[in-house]
Amino acid sequence: MDDPTLIAPGESERAAPPGAVHAGEPPAFDARFRAELRELFRWRRDVRRFRTAPLAPGELEAALADAALAPSVGYSQPWRFVSVESAARRAAVIGDFERCNAQALDDYEGARREAYASLKLAGLREAPVHLAVFADDASVAGHGLGRRTAPETLAYSVVGAVALFWLAARARGIGVGWVSILDHAAVARILDVPPAWSLTAYLCVGYPVDDDATPELARRAWQEPIAEALTIYRR
């Protein structure tokens, strides 16, 4: 099996690895910064329509270096990034998506089925970068700290890295789309990764055709914001 870890940090990241201790006072984040940060959160949207132009050199690696600053249970750093560059493997992933999407369509009836069929749910054919993100379930890093009672926190740590990557990419004008309509075990076989690696996210990455701060599924009237998502329950 080829080494599936294809993303290497740039020289600056080698000099200062993620998590390195930095001396000095912590920065003070003022109101202007917080407002701009919230704008970044607001404009981070799932992208399905990509330009086919490649990313500028070094941009993917820089965003992944930011992603590696994510918190992880026991400082296990279990994320494993795989850039899917083989045309044959990409085609196999697209085939799996189309198969799974057809099965999902059968779950709906009537107007909801028509609405689902009209949605563009992945940019797999257009996106210049396919990025598969795995959790290394066999890693001994972190010595099991925090995982005895909650082993799922290993996968949660990878999700945290995905979220940071998404924001780091958006700050660079790069769009990201999370393709969840896949058979995760099939994708792992297609990519020929170690058996202990479990797929957490399959991402389409590239420059978006257009930007919008409103989620596409809200714009398409698939789902409106719900009050519960902003509710604080106090006990």
C-alpha atoms as a PDB file:
ATOM      1  CA  MET A   1       0.000   0.000   0.000  1.00  0.00           C
ATOM      2  CA  ASP A   2       1.245   3.487  -0.815  1.00  0.00           C
ATOM      3  CA  ASP A   3       1.646   5.961   2.023  1.00  0.00           C
ATOM      4  CA  PRO A   4      -1.798   7.622   2.072  1.00  0.00           C
ATOM      5  CA  THR A   5      -0.702  10.736   3.928  1.00  0.00           C
ATOM      6  CA  LEU A   6      -0.048  13.077   1.045  1.00  0.00           C
ATOM      7  CA  ILE A   7      -0.175  16.487   2.717  1.00  0.00           C
ATOM      8  CA  ALA A   8       3.108  17.853   4.002  1.00  0.00           C
ATOM      9  CA  PRO A   9       3.499  21.138   5.854  1.00  0.00           C
ATOM     10  CA  GLY A  10       5.534  23.962   4.381  1.00  0.00           C
ATOM     11  CA  GLU A  11       8.892  25.059   5.692  1.00  0.00           C
ATOM     12  CA  SER A  12       7.346  27.528   8.150  1.00  0.00           C
ATOM     13  CA  GLU A  13       5.225  24.781   9.691  1.00  0.00           C
ATOM     14  CA  ARG A  14       8.264  22.520  10.017  1.00  0.00           C
ATOM     15  CA  ALA A  15      10.006  25.285  11.931  1.00  0.00           C
ATOM     16  CA  ALA A  16       7.035  25.828  14.249  1.00  0.00           C
ATOM     17  CA  PRO A  17       4.945  22.641  14.478  1.00  0.00           C
ATOM     18  CA  PRO A  18       1.305  22.818  15.595  1.00  0.00           C
ATOM     19  CA  GLY A  19       1.067  23.028  19.360  1.00  0.00           C
ATOM     20  CA  ALA A  20       4.564  24.438  19.806  1.00  0.00           C
ATOM     21  CA  VAL A  21       4.980  26.522  22.953  1.00  0.00           C
ATOM     22  CA  HIS A  22       5.404  30.238  22.270  1.00  0.00           C
ATOM     23  CA  ALA A  23       6.838  32.612  24.823  1.00  0.00           C
ATOM     24  CA  GLY A  24       5.347  36.008  25.608  1.00  0.00           C
ATOM     25  CA  GLU A  25       2.005  37.435  26.610  1.00  0.00           C
ATOM     26  CA  PRO A  26      -1.159  36.049  25.043  1.00  0.00           C
ATOM     27  CA  PRO A  27      -2.770  38.331  22.458  1.00  0.00           C
ATOM     28  CA  ALA A  28      -5.733  40.543  23.332  1.00  0.00           C
ATOM     29  CA  PHE A  29      -8.599  40.059  20.885  1.00  0.00           C
ATOM     30  CA  ASP A  30     -10.556  43.286  20.671  1.00  0.00           C
ATOM     31  CA  ALA A  31     -14.152  43.937  19.656  1.00  0.00           C
ATOM     32  CA  ARG A  32     -13.201  44.577  16.041  1.00  0.00           C
ATOM     33  CA  PHE A  33     -11.463  41.227  15.812  1.00  0.00           C
ATOM     34  CA  ARG A  34     -14.435  39.460  17.395  1.00  0.00           C
ATOM     35  CA  ALA A  35     -16.800  41.099  14.914  1.00  0.00           C
ATOM     36  CA  GLU A  36     -14.626  40.050  11.988  1.00  0.00           C
ATOM     37  CA  LEU A  37     -14.390  36.543  13.408  1.00  0.00           C
ATOM     38  CA  ARG A  38     -18.166  36.326  13.586  1.00  0.00           C
ATOM     39  CA  GLU A  39     -18.358  37.465   9.970  1.00  0.00           C
ATOM     40  CA  LEU A  40     -16.003  34.615   9.088  1.00  0.00           C
ATOM     41  CA  PHE A  41     -18.327  32.218  10.900  1.00  0.00           C
ATOM     42  CA  ARG A  42     -21.330  33.671   9.081  1.00  0.00           C
ATOM     43  CA  TRP A  43     -19.748  33.426   5.637  1.00  0.00           C
ATOM     44  CA  ARG A  44     -18.465  29.910   6.171  1.00  0.00           C
ATOM     45  CA  ARG A  45     -20.962  27.947   4.144  1.00  0.00           C
ATOM     46  CA  ASP A  46     -21.129  24.517   2.573  1.00  0.00           C
ATOM     47  CA  VAL A  47     -20.066  24.981  -1.052  1.00  0.00           C
ATOM     48  CA  ARG A  48     -21.305  22.727  -3.851  1.00  0.00           C
ATOM     49  CA  ARG A  49     -20.460  24.858  -6.910  1.00  0.00           C
ATOM     50  CA  PHE A  50     -16.754  25.244  -7.586  1.00  0.00           C
ATOM     51  CA  ARG A  51     -14.560  26.776 -10.219  1.00  0.00           C
ATOM     52  CA  THR A  52     -12.251  24.159 -11.700  1.00  0.00           C
ATOM     53  CA  ALA A  53      -9.179  26.401 -11.301  1.00  0.00           C
ATOM     54  CA  PRO A  54      -6.524  24.868  -9.019  1.00  0.00           C
ATOM     55  CA  LEU A  55      -5.762  26.356  -5.648  1.00  0.00           C
ATOM     56  CA  ALA A  56      -2.859  28.785  -5.422  1.00  0.00           C
ATOM     57  CA  PRO A  57       0.373  27.010  -4.434  1.00  0.00           C
ATOM     58  CA  GLY A  58       0.711  26.407  -0.709  1.00  0.00           C
ATOM     59  CA  GLU A  59      -2.857  27.398   0.194  1.00  0.00           C
ATOM     60  CA  LEU A  60      -4.064  23.877   0.975  1.00  0.00           C
ATOM     61  CA  GLU A  61      -1.012  23.145   3.094  1.00  0.00           C
ATOM     62  CA  ALA A  62      -1.374  26.438   4.997  1.00  0.00           C
ATOM     63  CA  ALA A  63      -5.053  25.775   5.782  1.00  0.00           C
ATOM     64  CA  LEU A  64      -4.220  22.261   6.955  1.00  0.00           C
ATOM     65  CA  ALA A  65      -1.485  23.615   9.228  1.00  0.00           C
ATOM     66  CA  ASP A  66      -4.168  25.822  10.804  1.00  0.00           C
ATOM     67  CA  ALA A  67      -6.498  22.818  11.109  1.00  0.00           C
ATOM     68  CA  ALA A  68      -3.826  20.934  13.038  1.00  0.00           C
ATOM     69  CA  LEU A  69      -4.177  23.537  15.823  1.00  0.00           C
ATOM     70  CA  ALA A  70      -7.543  21.954  16.720  1.00  0.00           C
ATOM     71  CA  PRO A  71      -8.052  20.523  20.202  1.00  0.00           C
ATOM     72  CA  SER A  72      -7.906  16.736  20.506  1.00  0.00           C
ATOM     73  CA  VAL A  73      -8.706  14.310  23.285  1.00  0.00           C
ATOM     74  CA  GLY A  74      -5.532  13.552  25.252  1.00  0.00           C
ATOM     75  CA  TYR A  75      -3.646  15.643  22.669  1.00  0.00           C
ATOM     76  CA  SER A  76      -3.920  12.598  20.418  1.00  0.00           C
ATOM     77  CA  GLN A  77      -4.014  14.578  17.141  1.00  0.00           C
ATOM     78  CA  PRO A  78      -5.768  11.663  15.389  1.00  0.00           C
ATOM     79  CA  TRP A  79      -6.593  13.379  12.078  1.00  0.00           C
ATOM     80  CA  ARG A  80      -5.114  11.962   8.897  1.00  0.00           C
ATOM     81  CA  PHE A  81      -5.524  13.992   5.693  1.00  0.00           C
ATOM     82  CA  VAL A  82      -5.553  12.273   2.296  1.00  0.00           C
ATOM     83  CA  SER A  83      -5.551  14.305  -0.920  1.00  0.00           C
ATOM     84  CA  VAL A  84      -7.342  12.186  -3.516  1.00  0.00           C
ATOM     85  CA  GLU A  85      -5.455  12.886  -6.731  1.00  0.00           C
ATOM     86  CA  SER A  86      -5.949   9.685  -8.731  1.00  0.00           C
ATOM     87  CA  ALA A  87      -8.568  10.118 -11.460  1.00  0.00           C
ATOM     88  CA  ALA A  88      -9.636   6.497 -11.068  1.00  0.00           C
ATOM     89  CA  ARG A  89     -10.145   6.840  -7.322  1.00  0.00           C
ATOM     90  CA  ARG A  90     -12.041  10.098  -7.735  1.00  0.00           C
ATOM     91  CA  ALA A  91     -14.301   8.434 -10.277  1.00  0.00           C
ATOM     92  CA  ALA A  92     -14.921   5.557  -7.872  1.00  0.00           C
ATOM     93  CA  VAL A  93     -15.865   7.979  -5.100  1.00  0.00           C
ATOM     94  CA  ILE A  94     -18.219   9.833  -7.460  1.00  0.00           C
ATOM     95  CA  GLY A  95     -19.802   6.499  -8.376  1.00  0.00           C
ATOM     96  CA  ASP A  96     -20.316   5.682  -4.710  1.00  0.00           C
ATOM     97  CA  PHE A  97     -21.917   9.096  -4.126  1.00  0.00           C
ATOM     98  CA  GLU A  98     -24.298   8.630  -7.047  1.00  0.00           C
ATOM     99  CA  ARG A  99     -25.287   5.184  -5.784  1.00  0.00           C
ATOM    100  CA  CYS A 100     -25.862   6.399  -2.221  1.00  0.00           C
ATOM    101  CA  ASN A 101     -27.695   9.492  -3.435  1.00  0.00           C
ATOM    102  CA  ALA A 102     -30.110   7.397  -5.499  1.00  0.00           C
ATOM    103  CA  GLN A 103     -30.829   5.276  -2.432  1.00  0.00           C
ATOM    104  CA  ALA A 104     -31.402   8.414  -0.335  1.00  0.00           C
ATOM    105  CA  LEU A 105     -33.863   9.743  -2.914  1.00  0.00           C
ATOM    106  CA  ASP A 106     -36.014   6.656  -2.346  1.00  0.00           C
ATOM    107  CA  ASP A 107     -36.526   7.744   1.271  1.00  0.00           C
ATOM    108  CA  TYR A 108     -38.691  10.665   0.115  1.00  0.00           C
ATOM    109  CA  GLU A 109     -42.076  10.934  -1.520  1.00  0.00           C
ATOM    110  CA  GLY A 110     -44.095  13.565  -3.332  1.00  0.00           C
ATOM    111  CA  ALA A 111     -43.019  17.194  -3.189  1.00  0.00           C
ATOM    112  CA  ARG A 112     -40.171  16.461  -0.780  1.00  0.00           C
ATOM    113  CA  ARG A 113     -38.788  13.887  -3.224  1.00  0.00           C
ATOM    114  CA  GLU A 114     -38.940  16.431  -6.043  1.00  0.00           C
ATOM    115  CA  ALA A 115     -37.207  19.003  -3.861  1.00  0.00           C
ATOM    116  CA  TYR A 116     -34.450  16.541  -2.932  1.00  0.00           C
ATOM    117  CA  ALA A 117     -33.909  15.579  -6.574  1.00  0.00           C
ATOM    118  CA  SER A 118     -33.472  19.258  -7.493  1.00  0.00           C
ATOM    119  CA  LEU A 119     -30.680  19.858  -4.964  1.00  0.00           C
ATOM    120  CA  LYS A 120     -27.009  19.917  -5.916  1.00  0.00           C
ATOM    121  CA  LEU A 121     -25.519  18.007  -3.017  1.00  0.00           C
ATOM    122  CA  ALA A 122     -21.861  17.719  -3.979  1.00  0.00           C
ATOM    123  CA  GLY A 123     -19.211  19.411  -6.109  1.00  0.00           C
ATOM    124  CA  LEU A 124     -17.241  16.236  -6.680  1.00  0.00           C
ATOM    125  CA  ARG A 125     -16.900  16.681 -10.443  1.00  0.00           C
ATOM    126  CA  GLU A 126     -15.830  20.329 -10.377  1.00  0.00           C
ATOM    127  CA  ALA A 127     -13.764  20.763  -7.201  1.00  0.00           C
ATOM    128  CA  PRO A 128     -10.015  20.757  -7.888  1.00  0.00           C
ATOM    129  CA  VAL A 129      -9.276  19.149  -4.507  1.00  0.00           C
ATOM    130  CA  HIS A 130     -10.836  16.086  -2.910  1.00  0.00           C
ATOM    131  CA  LEU A 131      -9.731  15.808   0.706  1.00  0.00           C
ATOM    132  CA  ALA A 132     -10.583  12.745   2.778  1.00  0.00           C
ATOM    133  CA  VAL A 133     -10.144  13.163   6.519  1.00  0.00           C
ATOM    134  CA  PHE A 134      -9.741  10.050   8.650  1.00  0.00           C
ATOM    135  CA  ALA A 135      -9.479   9.269  12.349  1.00  0.00           C
ATOM    136  CA  ASP A 136      -6.588   6.972  13.197  1.00  0.00           C
ATOM    137  CA  ASP A 137      -8.315   4.661  15.650  1.00  0.00           C
ATOM    138  CA  ALA A 138      -5.110   2.718  16.312  1.00  0.00           C
ATOM    139  CA  SER A 139      -2.983   5.696  17.298  1.00  0.00           C
ATOM    140  CA  VAL A 140      -1.401   5.431  20.735  1.00  0.00           C
ATOM    141  CA  ALA A 141      -0.728   9.175  20.862  1.00  0.00           C
ATOM    142  CA  GLY A 142      -2.303  10.677  23.945  1.00  0.00           C
ATOM    143  CA  HIS A 143      -1.974   7.353  25.804  1.00  0.00           C
ATOM    144  CA  GLY A 144      -5.752   6.895  25.882  1.00  0.00           C
ATOM    145  CA  LEU A 145      -6.346   9.930  28.094  1.00  0.00           C
ATOM    146  CA  GLY A 146     -10.036  10.879  28.112  1.00  0.00           C
ATOM    147  CA  ARG A 147     -11.106   8.026  25.855  1.00  0.00           C
ATOM    148  CA  ARG A 148     -11.920   5.269  28.332  1.00  0.00           C
ATOM    149  CA  THR A 149     -15.414   6.582  29.064  1.00  0.00           C
ATOM    150  CA  ALA A 150     -15.898   8.406  25.758  1.00  0.00           C
ATOM    151  CA  PRO A 151     -14.014   6.667  22.921  1.00  0.00           C
ATOM    152  CA  GLU A 152     -16.050   8.653  20.402  1.00  0.00           C
ATOM    153  CA  THR A 153     -14.055  11.754  21.345  1.00  0.00           C
ATOM    154  CA  LEU A 154     -11.344  10.551  18.975  1.00  0.00           C
ATOM    155  CA  ALA A 155     -13.696  11.117  16.023  1.00  0.00           C
ATOM    156  CA  TYR A 156     -14.960  14.347  17.617  1.00  0.00           C
ATOM    157  CA  SER A 157     -11.362  15.602  17.635  1.00  0.00           C
ATOM    158  CA  VAL A 158     -11.151  15.036  13.897  1.00  0.00           C
ATOM    159  CA  VAL A 159     -14.420  16.928  13.409  1.00  0.00           C
ATOM    160  CA  GLY A 160     -12.836  19.834  15.303  1.00  0.00           C
ATOM    161  CA  ALA A 161      -9.922  19.813  12.872  1.00  0.00           C
ATOM    162  CA  VAL A 162     -12.344  19.786   9.939  1.00  0.00           C
ATOM    163  CA  ALA A 163     -14.144  22.832  11.374  1.00  0.00           C
ATOM    164  CA  LEU A 164     -10.884  24.749  11.732  1.00  0.00           C
ATOM    165  CA  PHE A 165      -9.840  23.780   8.215  1.00  0.00           C
ATOM    166  CA  TRP A 166     -13.180  25.034   6.896  1.00  0.00           C
ATOM    167  CA  LEU A 167     -12.690  28.421   8.563  1.00  0.00           C
ATOM    168  CA  ALA A 168      -9.033  28.683   7.575  1.00  0.00           C
ATOM    169  CA  ALA A 169      -9.960  27.927   3.972  1.00  0.00           C
ATOM    170  CA  ARG A 170     -12.804  30.465   3.942  1.00  0.00           C
ATOM    171  CA  ALA A 171     -10.453  33.139   5.308  1.00  0.00           C
ATOM    172  CA  ARG A 172      -8.352  32.511   2.189  1.00  0.00           C
ATOM    173  CA  GLY A 173     -11.332  32.759  -0.172  1.00  0.00           C
ATOM    174  CA  ILE A 174     -11.501  28.983  -0.589  1.00  0.00           C
ATOM    175  CA  GLY A 175     -14.778  27.079  -0.392  1.00  0.00           C
ATOM    176  CA  VAL A 176     -15.331  23.709   1.271  1.00  0.00           C
ATOM    177  CA  GLY A 177     -18.186  21.253   0.879  1.00  0.00           C
ATOM    178  CA  TRP A 178     -18.697  18.255   3.159  1.00  0.00           C
ATOM    179  CA  VAL A 179     -19.997  15.226   1.217  1.00  0.00           C
ATOM    180  CA  SER A 180     -21.834  13.003   3.673  1.00  0.00           C
ATOM    181  CA  ILE A 181     -23.786  10.924   1.140  1.00  0.00           C
ATOM    182  CA  LEU A 182     -21.123   8.226   0.882  1.00  0.00           C
ATOM    183  CA  ASP A 183     -20.497   4.692   2.106  1.00  0.00           C
ATOM    184  CA  HIS A 184     -17.600   5.417   4.444  1.00  0.00           C
ATOM    185  CA  ALA A 185     -16.270   1.861   4.434  1.00  0.00           C
ATOM    186  CA  ALA A 186     -16.362   1.804   0.627  1.00  0.00           C
ATOM    187  CA  VAL A 187     -14.435   5.073   0.419  1.00  0.00           C
ATOM    188  CA  ALA A 188     -11.781   3.719   2.777  1.00  0.00           C
ATOM    189  CA  ARG A 189     -11.393   0.706   0.486  1.00  0.00           C
ATOM    190  CA  ILE A 190     -11.210   2.917  -2.608  1.00  0.00           C
ATOM    191  CA  LEU A 191      -8.430   4.979  -1.046  1.00  0.00           C
ATOM    192  CA  ASP A 192      -6.575   1.910   0.284  1.00  0.00           C
ATOM    193  CA  VAL A 193      -5.855   3.419   3.688  1.00  0.00           C
ATOM    194  CA  PRO A 194      -4.787   1.450   6.790  1.00  0.00           C
ATOM    195  CA  PRO A 195      -7.607  -0.691   8.270  1.00  0.00           C
ATOM    196  CA  ALA A 196      -7.587   1.280  11.527  1.00  0.00           C
ATOM    197  CA  TRP A 197      -8.386   4.547   9.767  1.00  0.00           C
ATOM    198  CA  SER A 198     -12.094   5.454   9.790  1.00  0.00           C
ATOM    199  CA  LEU A 199     -13.457   8.110   7.445  1.00  0.00           C
ATOM    200  CA  THR A 200     -14.781  11.169   9.249  1.00  0.00           C
ATOM    201  CA  ALA A 201     -15.240  13.625   6.374  1.00  0.00           C
ATOM    202  CA  TYR A 202     -14.907  13.747   2.610  1.00  0.00           C
ATOM    203  CA  LEU A 203     -14.417  17.340   1.501  1.00  0.00           C
ATOM    204  CA  CYS A 204     -14.600  19.122  -1.838  1.00  0.00           C
ATOM    205  CA  VAL A 205     -12.236  22.094  -1.818  1.00  0.00           C
ATOM    206  CA  GLY A 206     -11.798  24.922  -4.314  1.00  0.00           C
ATOM    207  CA  TYR A 207     -12.691  28.462  -5.235  1.00  0.00           C
ATOM    208  CA  PRO A 208     -16.480  28.908  -5.159  1.00  0.00           C
ATOM    209  CA  VAL A 209     -18.470  30.056  -8.171  1.00  0.00           C
ATOM    210  CA  ASP A 210     -20.214  32.550  -5.892  1.00  0.00           C
ATOM    211  CA  ASP A 211     -20.498  33.373  -2.197  1.00  0.00           C
ATOM    212  CA  ASP A 212     -23.588  33.705  -0.037  1.00  0.00           C
ATOM    213  CA  ALA A 213     -23.917  34.104   3.713  1.00  0.00           C
ATOM    214  CA  THR A 214     -27.240  32.225   3.759  1.00  0.00           C
ATOM    215  CA  PRO A 215     -27.049  28.412   3.782  1.00  0.00           C
ATOM    216  CA  GLU A 216     -28.125  27.013   0.423  1.00  0.00           C
ATOM    217  CA  LEU A 217     -30.652  24.654   2.031  1.00  0.00           C
ATOM    218  CA  ALA A 218     -32.316  27.690   3.612  1.00  0.00           C
ATOM    219  CA  ARG A 219     -32.299  29.533   0.285  1.00  0.00           C
ATOM    220  CA  ARG A 220     -33.871  26.511  -1.368  1.00  0.00           C
ATOM    221  CA  ALA A 221     -36.538  26.268   1.385  1.00  0.00           C
ATOM    222  CA  TRP A 222     -35.382  22.794   2.414  1.00  0.00           C
ATOM    223  CA  GLN A 223     -34.995  23.814   6.060  1.00  0.00           C
ATOM    224  CA  GLU A 224     -35.416  27.111   7.899  1.00  0.00           C
ATOM    225  CA  PRO A 225     -33.414  28.033  11.029  1.00  0.00           C
ATOM    226  CA  ILE A 226     -34.879  26.437  14.152  1.00  0.00           C
ATOM    227  CA  ALA A 227     -35.251  28.120  17.537  1.00  0.00           C
ATOM    228  CA  GLU A 228     -33.851  25.122  19.402  1.00  0.00           C
ATOM    229  CA  ALA A 229     -30.476  25.626  17.757  1.00  0.00           C
ATOM    230  CA  LEU A 230     -30.074  28.931  19.616  1.00  0.00           C
ATOM    231  CA  THR A 231     -31.730  27.895  22.855  1.00  0.00           C
ATOM    232  CA  ILE A 232     -29.761  27.558  26.075  1.00  0.00           C
ATOM    233  CA  TYR A 233     -31.348  24.965  28.351  1.00  0.00           C
ATOM    234  CA  ARG A 234     -30.440  25.553  31.979  1.00  0.00           C
ATOM    235  CA  ARG A 235     -30.697  22.905  34.664  1.00  0.00           C
END
